[in-house]
Amino acid sequence: MSIKNDQELKAALNDLTQDQQRILGARFTQSVIGLTDNPRLESALKIALDPQSDVHALNDAYKVAKSIATKTYTACGRDADWGLQAEHFIAAACAATLTPTALMTEAFNAAWKAAIQARMAKNCIMIESETGEVENEAEKQYQLTRSFKDEQ
């Protein structure tokens, strides 16, 4: 399978089941979790990554990730703590992967939302470090998706 752009990525993600979207979205999040040091968020991500996690554990992990995303939200237009903003986007990516079925719309794709949030986290770190040397997260996501699809 070839994925060279976001249109191809989104098409590939749309072919996944909800459980597959959760696991792949969690892998996208795992790619950026090292940008923050939040053990609660890391624990929530472990639950998202585990294909054997039950609904109760997934819902509890969602609440944790969502609360961290809400706590770290910074209003637009203010001077930003880019590290804290990165944590916000990582938490939002984790929450996206853990979104309960009851909260999903028909068009909702957990993996796509996690992918975009993970990229935003990388952008925050790039701004904070004032370099353009951050690894291309989109390319990494294309590779993760190809590998994931090959596993199925």
C-alpha atoms as a PDB file:
ATOM      1  CA  MET A   1       0.000   0.000   0.000  1.00  0.00           C
ATOM      2  CA  SER A   2       1.294   3.416  -0.947  1.00  0.00           C
ATOM      3  CA  ILE A   3       0.468   6.506   1.114  1.00  0.00           C
ATOM      4  CA  LYS A   4       2.157   9.665  -0.137  1.00  0.00           C
ATOM      5  CA  ASN A   5      -0.192  12.456   0.965  1.00  0.00           C
ATOM      6  CA  ASP A   6      -2.942  13.303   3.426  1.00  0.00           C
ATOM      7  CA  GLN A   7      -5.737  12.421   1.005  1.00  0.00           C
ATOM      8  CA  GLU A   8      -4.358   8.885   0.700  1.00  0.00           C
ATOM      9  CA  LEU A   9      -3.833   8.752   4.468  1.00  0.00           C
ATOM     10  CA  LYS A  10      -7.400   9.797   5.194  1.00  0.00           C
ATOM     11  CA  ALA A  11      -8.762   7.259   2.692  1.00  0.00           C
ATOM     12  CA  ALA A  12      -6.717   4.509   4.347  1.00  0.00           C
ATOM     13  CA  LEU A  13      -7.920   5.563   7.805  1.00  0.00           C
ATOM     14  CA  ASN A  14     -11.546   5.611   6.665  1.00  0.00           C
ATOM     15  CA  ASP A  15     -11.248   1.911   5.780  1.00  0.00           C
ATOM     16  CA  LEU A  16     -10.447   0.982   9.397  1.00  0.00           C
ATOM     17  CA  THR A  17     -12.873  -0.251  12.035  1.00  0.00           C
ATOM     18  CA  GLN A  18     -13.345   1.878  15.162  1.00  0.00           C
ATOM     19  CA  ASP A  19     -11.037  -0.414  17.159  1.00  0.00           C
ATOM     20  CA  GLN A  20      -8.383  -0.225  14.441  1.00  0.00           C
ATOM     21  CA  GLN A  21      -8.719   3.573  14.355  1.00  0.00           C
ATOM     22  CA  ARG A  22      -8.191   3.649  18.127  1.00  0.00           C
ATOM     23  CA  ILE A  23      -5.071   1.536  18.006  1.00  0.00           C
ATOM     24  CA  LEU A  24      -3.513   3.331  15.038  1.00  0.00           C
ATOM     25  CA  GLY A  25      -4.463   6.732  16.494  1.00  0.00           C
ATOM     26  CA  ALA A  26      -2.797   5.644  19.725  1.00  0.00           C
ATOM     27  CA  ARG A  27       0.339   4.765  17.753  1.00  0.00           C
ATOM     28  CA  PHE A  28       0.296   8.265  16.247  1.00  0.00           C
ATOM     29  CA  THR A  29       0.020   9.626  19.792  1.00  0.00           C
ATOM     30  CA  GLN A  30       2.768   7.300  21.013  1.00  0.00           C
ATOM     31  CA  SER A  31       5.028   8.872  18.401  1.00  0.00           C
ATOM     32  CA  VAL A  32       4.843  12.216  20.251  1.00  0.00           C
ATOM     33  CA  ILE A  33       4.253  11.166  23.887  1.00  0.00           C
ATOM     34  CA  GLY A  34       7.956  11.689  24.607  1.00  0.00           C
ATOM     35  CA  LEU A  35       7.450  15.436  24.127  1.00  0.00           C
ATOM     36  CA  THR A  36       5.684  15.578  27.501  1.00  0.00           C
ATOM     37  CA  ASP A  37       6.268  14.126  30.937  1.00  0.00           C
ATOM     38  CA  ASN A  38       2.814  13.303  32.222  1.00  0.00           C
ATOM     39  CA  PRO A  39       2.448   9.834  33.768  1.00  0.00           C
ATOM     40  CA  ARG A  40      -1.376  10.027  33.777  1.00  0.00           C
ATOM     41  CA  LEU A  41      -1.365  10.694  30.042  1.00  0.00           C
ATOM     42  CA  GLU A  42       1.119   7.877  29.464  1.00  0.00           C
ATOM     43  CA  SER A  43      -1.168   5.493  31.397  1.00  0.00           C
ATOM     44  CA  ALA A  44      -4.194   6.537  29.344  1.00  0.00           C
ATOM     45  CA  LEU A  45      -2.209   5.947  26.162  1.00  0.00           C
ATOM     46  CA  LYS A  46      -1.228   2.433  27.292  1.00  0.00           C
ATOM     47  CA  ILE A  47      -4.911   1.601  27.645  1.00  0.00           C
ATOM     48  CA  ALA A  48      -5.629   3.011  24.177  1.00  0.00           C
ATOM     49  CA  LEU A  49      -2.828   0.898  22.692  1.00  0.00           C
ATOM     50  CA  ASP A  50      -4.048  -2.345  24.264  1.00  0.00           C
ATOM     51  CA  PRO A  51      -6.443  -4.209  21.946  1.00  0.00           C
ATOM     52  CA  GLN A  52      -7.759  -6.107  25.009  1.00  0.00           C
ATOM     53  CA  SER A  53      -8.818  -2.988  26.969  1.00  0.00           C
ATOM     54  CA  ASP A  54     -12.445  -3.176  28.047  1.00  0.00           C
ATOM     55  CA  VAL A  55     -15.017  -0.416  27.593  1.00  0.00           C
ATOM     56  CA  HIS A  56     -14.803   0.652  31.242  1.00  0.00           C
ATOM     57  CA  ALA A  57     -11.012   1.088  31.094  1.00  0.00           C
ATOM     58  CA  LEU A  58     -11.276   2.928  27.756  1.00  0.00           C
ATOM     59  CA  ASN A  59     -13.908   5.318  29.130  1.00  0.00           C
ATOM     60  CA  ASP A  60     -11.854   6.038  32.259  1.00  0.00           C
ATOM     61  CA  ALA A  61      -8.746   6.658  30.140  1.00  0.00           C
ATOM     62  CA  TYR A  62     -10.759   8.989  27.879  1.00  0.00           C
ATOM     63  CA  LYS A  63     -11.822  11.041  30.903  1.00  0.00           C
ATOM     64  CA  VAL A  64      -8.196  11.346  32.032  1.00  0.00           C
ATOM     65  CA  ALA A  65      -6.930  12.404  28.594  1.00  0.00           C
ATOM     66  CA  LYS A  66      -9.836  14.801  28.067  1.00  0.00           C
ATOM     67  CA  SER A  67      -9.293  16.421  31.484  1.00  0.00           C
ATOM     68  CA  ILE A  68      -5.600  16.948  30.724  1.00  0.00           C
ATOM     69  CA  ALA A  69      -6.441  18.428  27.310  1.00  0.00           C
ATOM     70  CA  THR A  70      -8.936  20.782  28.958  1.00  0.00           C
ATOM     71  CA  LYS A  71      -6.531  21.754  31.754  1.00  0.00           C
ATOM     72  CA  THR A  72      -3.697  22.547  29.344  1.00  0.00           C
ATOM     73  CA  TYR A  73      -5.800  24.471  26.843  1.00  0.00           C
ATOM     74  CA  THR A  74      -4.432  27.958  26.198  1.00  0.00           C
ATOM     75  CA  ALA A  75      -6.664  30.580  24.617  1.00  0.00           C
ATOM     76  CA  CYS A  76      -5.606  31.751  21.174  1.00  0.00           C
ATOM     77  CA  GLY A  77      -3.957  35.143  21.058  1.00  0.00           C
ATOM     78  CA  ARG A  78      -2.116  34.820  24.356  1.00  0.00           C
ATOM     79  CA  ASP A  79       1.606  34.353  24.752  1.00  0.00           C
ATOM     80  CA  ALA A  80       1.973  30.614  24.784  1.00  0.00           C
ATOM     81  CA  ASP A  81       4.012  28.164  26.750  1.00  0.00           C
ATOM     82  CA  TRP A  82       4.737  25.990  23.719  1.00  0.00           C
ATOM     83  CA  GLY A  83       5.706  22.970  25.823  1.00  0.00           C
ATOM     84  CA  LEU A  84       2.361  23.151  27.613  1.00  0.00           C
ATOM     85  CA  GLN A  85       0.616  23.617  24.269  1.00  0.00           C
ATOM     86  CA  ALA A  86       2.381  20.487  22.992  1.00  0.00           C
ATOM     87  CA  GLU A  87       1.077  18.608  26.032  1.00  0.00           C
ATOM     88  CA  HIS A  88      -2.413  19.891  25.243  1.00  0.00           C
ATOM     89  CA  PHE A  89      -2.255  18.537  21.693  1.00  0.00           C
ATOM     90  CA  ILE A  90      -0.821  15.208  22.864  1.00  0.00           C
ATOM     91  CA  ALA A  91      -3.665  14.902  25.379  1.00  0.00           C
ATOM     92  CA  ALA A  92      -6.161  15.861  22.661  1.00  0.00           C
ATOM     93  CA  ALA A  93      -4.698  13.168  20.377  1.00  0.00           C
ATOM     94  CA  CYS A  94      -4.992  10.610  23.156  1.00  0.00           C
ATOM     95  CA  ALA A  95      -8.558  11.704  23.928  1.00  0.00           C
ATOM     96  CA  ALA A  96      -9.449  11.424  20.236  1.00  0.00           C
ATOM     97  CA  THR A  97      -8.312   7.807  20.145  1.00  0.00           C
ATOM     98  CA  LEU A  98     -10.330   7.047  23.270  1.00  0.00           C
ATOM     99  CA  THR A  99     -13.534   8.864  22.278  1.00  0.00           C
ATOM    100  CA  PRO A 100     -16.512   6.735  23.351  1.00  0.00           C
ATOM    101  CA  THR A 101     -18.772   5.491  20.570  1.00  0.00           C
ATOM    102  CA  ALA A 102     -21.696   7.476  21.986  1.00  0.00           C
ATOM    103  CA  LEU A 103     -19.774  10.722  21.356  1.00  0.00           C
ATOM    104  CA  MET A 104     -18.745   9.895  17.783  1.00  0.00           C
ATOM    105  CA  THR A 105     -20.480  11.422  14.796  1.00  0.00           C
ATOM    106  CA  GLU A 106     -20.810   9.473  11.559  1.00  0.00           C
ATOM    107  CA  ALA A 107     -17.869  11.352  10.020  1.00  0.00           C
ATOM    108  CA  PHE A 108     -15.624  11.051  13.119  1.00  0.00           C
ATOM    109  CA  ASN A 109     -12.333   9.257  12.537  1.00  0.00           C
ATOM    110  CA  ALA A 110     -10.294   8.812  15.714  1.00  0.00           C
ATOM    111  CA  ALA A 111      -7.043   8.042  13.896  1.00  0.00           C
ATOM    112  CA  TRP A 112      -7.294  11.111  11.640  1.00  0.00           C
ATOM    113  CA  LYS A 113      -8.041  13.410  14.567  1.00  0.00           C
ATOM    114  CA  ALA A 114      -5.140  11.930  16.542  1.00  0.00           C
ATOM    115  CA  ALA A 115      -2.846  12.369  13.531  1.00  0.00           C
ATOM    116  CA  ILE A 116      -3.629  16.076  13.234  1.00  0.00           C
ATOM    117  CA  GLN A 117      -3.301  16.682  16.989  1.00  0.00           C
ATOM    118  CA  ALA A 118       0.060  14.871  17.027  1.00  0.00           C
ATOM    119  CA  ARG A 119       1.295  17.108  14.213  1.00  0.00           C
ATOM    120  CA  MET A 120       0.203  20.181  16.164  1.00  0.00           C
ATOM    121  CA  ALA A 121       2.235  18.954  19.151  1.00  0.00           C
ATOM    122  CA  LYS A 122       5.310  18.644  16.930  1.00  0.00           C
ATOM    123  CA  ASN A 123       4.703  22.142  15.554  1.00  0.00           C
ATOM    124  CA  CYS A 124       4.603  23.553  19.089  1.00  0.00           C
ATOM    125  CA  ILE A 125       7.977  21.999  19.879  1.00  0.00           C
ATOM    126  CA  MET A 126       9.370  23.345  16.614  1.00  0.00           C
ATOM    127  CA  ILE A 127       8.209  26.852  17.565  1.00  0.00           C
ATOM    128  CA  GLU A 128       9.589  26.493  21.090  1.00  0.00           C
ATOM    129  CA  SER A 129      12.980  25.331  19.854  1.00  0.00           C
ATOM    130  CA  GLU A 130      13.021  27.885  17.014  1.00  0.00           C
ATOM    131  CA  THR A 131      14.312  25.299  14.584  1.00  0.00           C
ATOM    132  CA  GLY A 132      12.888  23.680  11.515  1.00  0.00           C
ATOM    133  CA  GLU A 133      14.646  20.413  12.237  1.00  0.00           C
ATOM    134  CA  VAL A 134      11.715  18.527  13.707  1.00  0.00           C
ATOM    135  CA  GLU A 135      11.095  15.184  12.002  1.00  0.00           C
ATOM    136  CA  ASN A 136       8.241  15.283   9.504  1.00  0.00           C
ATOM    137  CA  GLU A 137       5.366  13.832  11.510  1.00  0.00           C
ATOM    138  CA  ALA A 138       3.111  13.395   8.465  1.00  0.00           C
ATOM    139  CA  GLU A 139       5.684  11.160   6.757  1.00  0.00           C
ATOM    140  CA  LYS A 140       6.047   9.168   9.964  1.00  0.00           C
ATOM    141  CA  GLN A 141       2.256   8.725  10.072  1.00  0.00           C
ATOM    142  CA  TYR A 142       2.180   7.512   6.475  1.00  0.00           C
ATOM    143  CA  GLN A 143       4.754   4.852   7.399  1.00  0.00           C
ATOM    144  CA  LEU A 144       2.916   3.874  10.594  1.00  0.00           C
ATOM    145  CA  THR A 145      -0.293   3.460   8.592  1.00  0.00           C
ATOM    146  CA  ARG A 146       1.389   1.354   5.901  1.00  0.00           C
ATOM    147  CA  SER A 147       2.890  -0.890   8.587  1.00  0.00           C
ATOM    148  CA  PHE A 148      -0.415  -1.137  10.454  1.00  0.00           C
ATOM    149  CA  LYS A 149      -2.332  -2.067   7.294  1.00  0.00           C
ATOM    150  CA  ASP A 150       0.300  -4.712   6.496  1.00  0.00           C
ATOM    151  CA  GLU A 151      -0.269  -6.255   9.962  1.00  0.00           C
ATOM    152  CA  GLN A 152      -4.002  -6.655   9.361  1.00  0.00           C
END
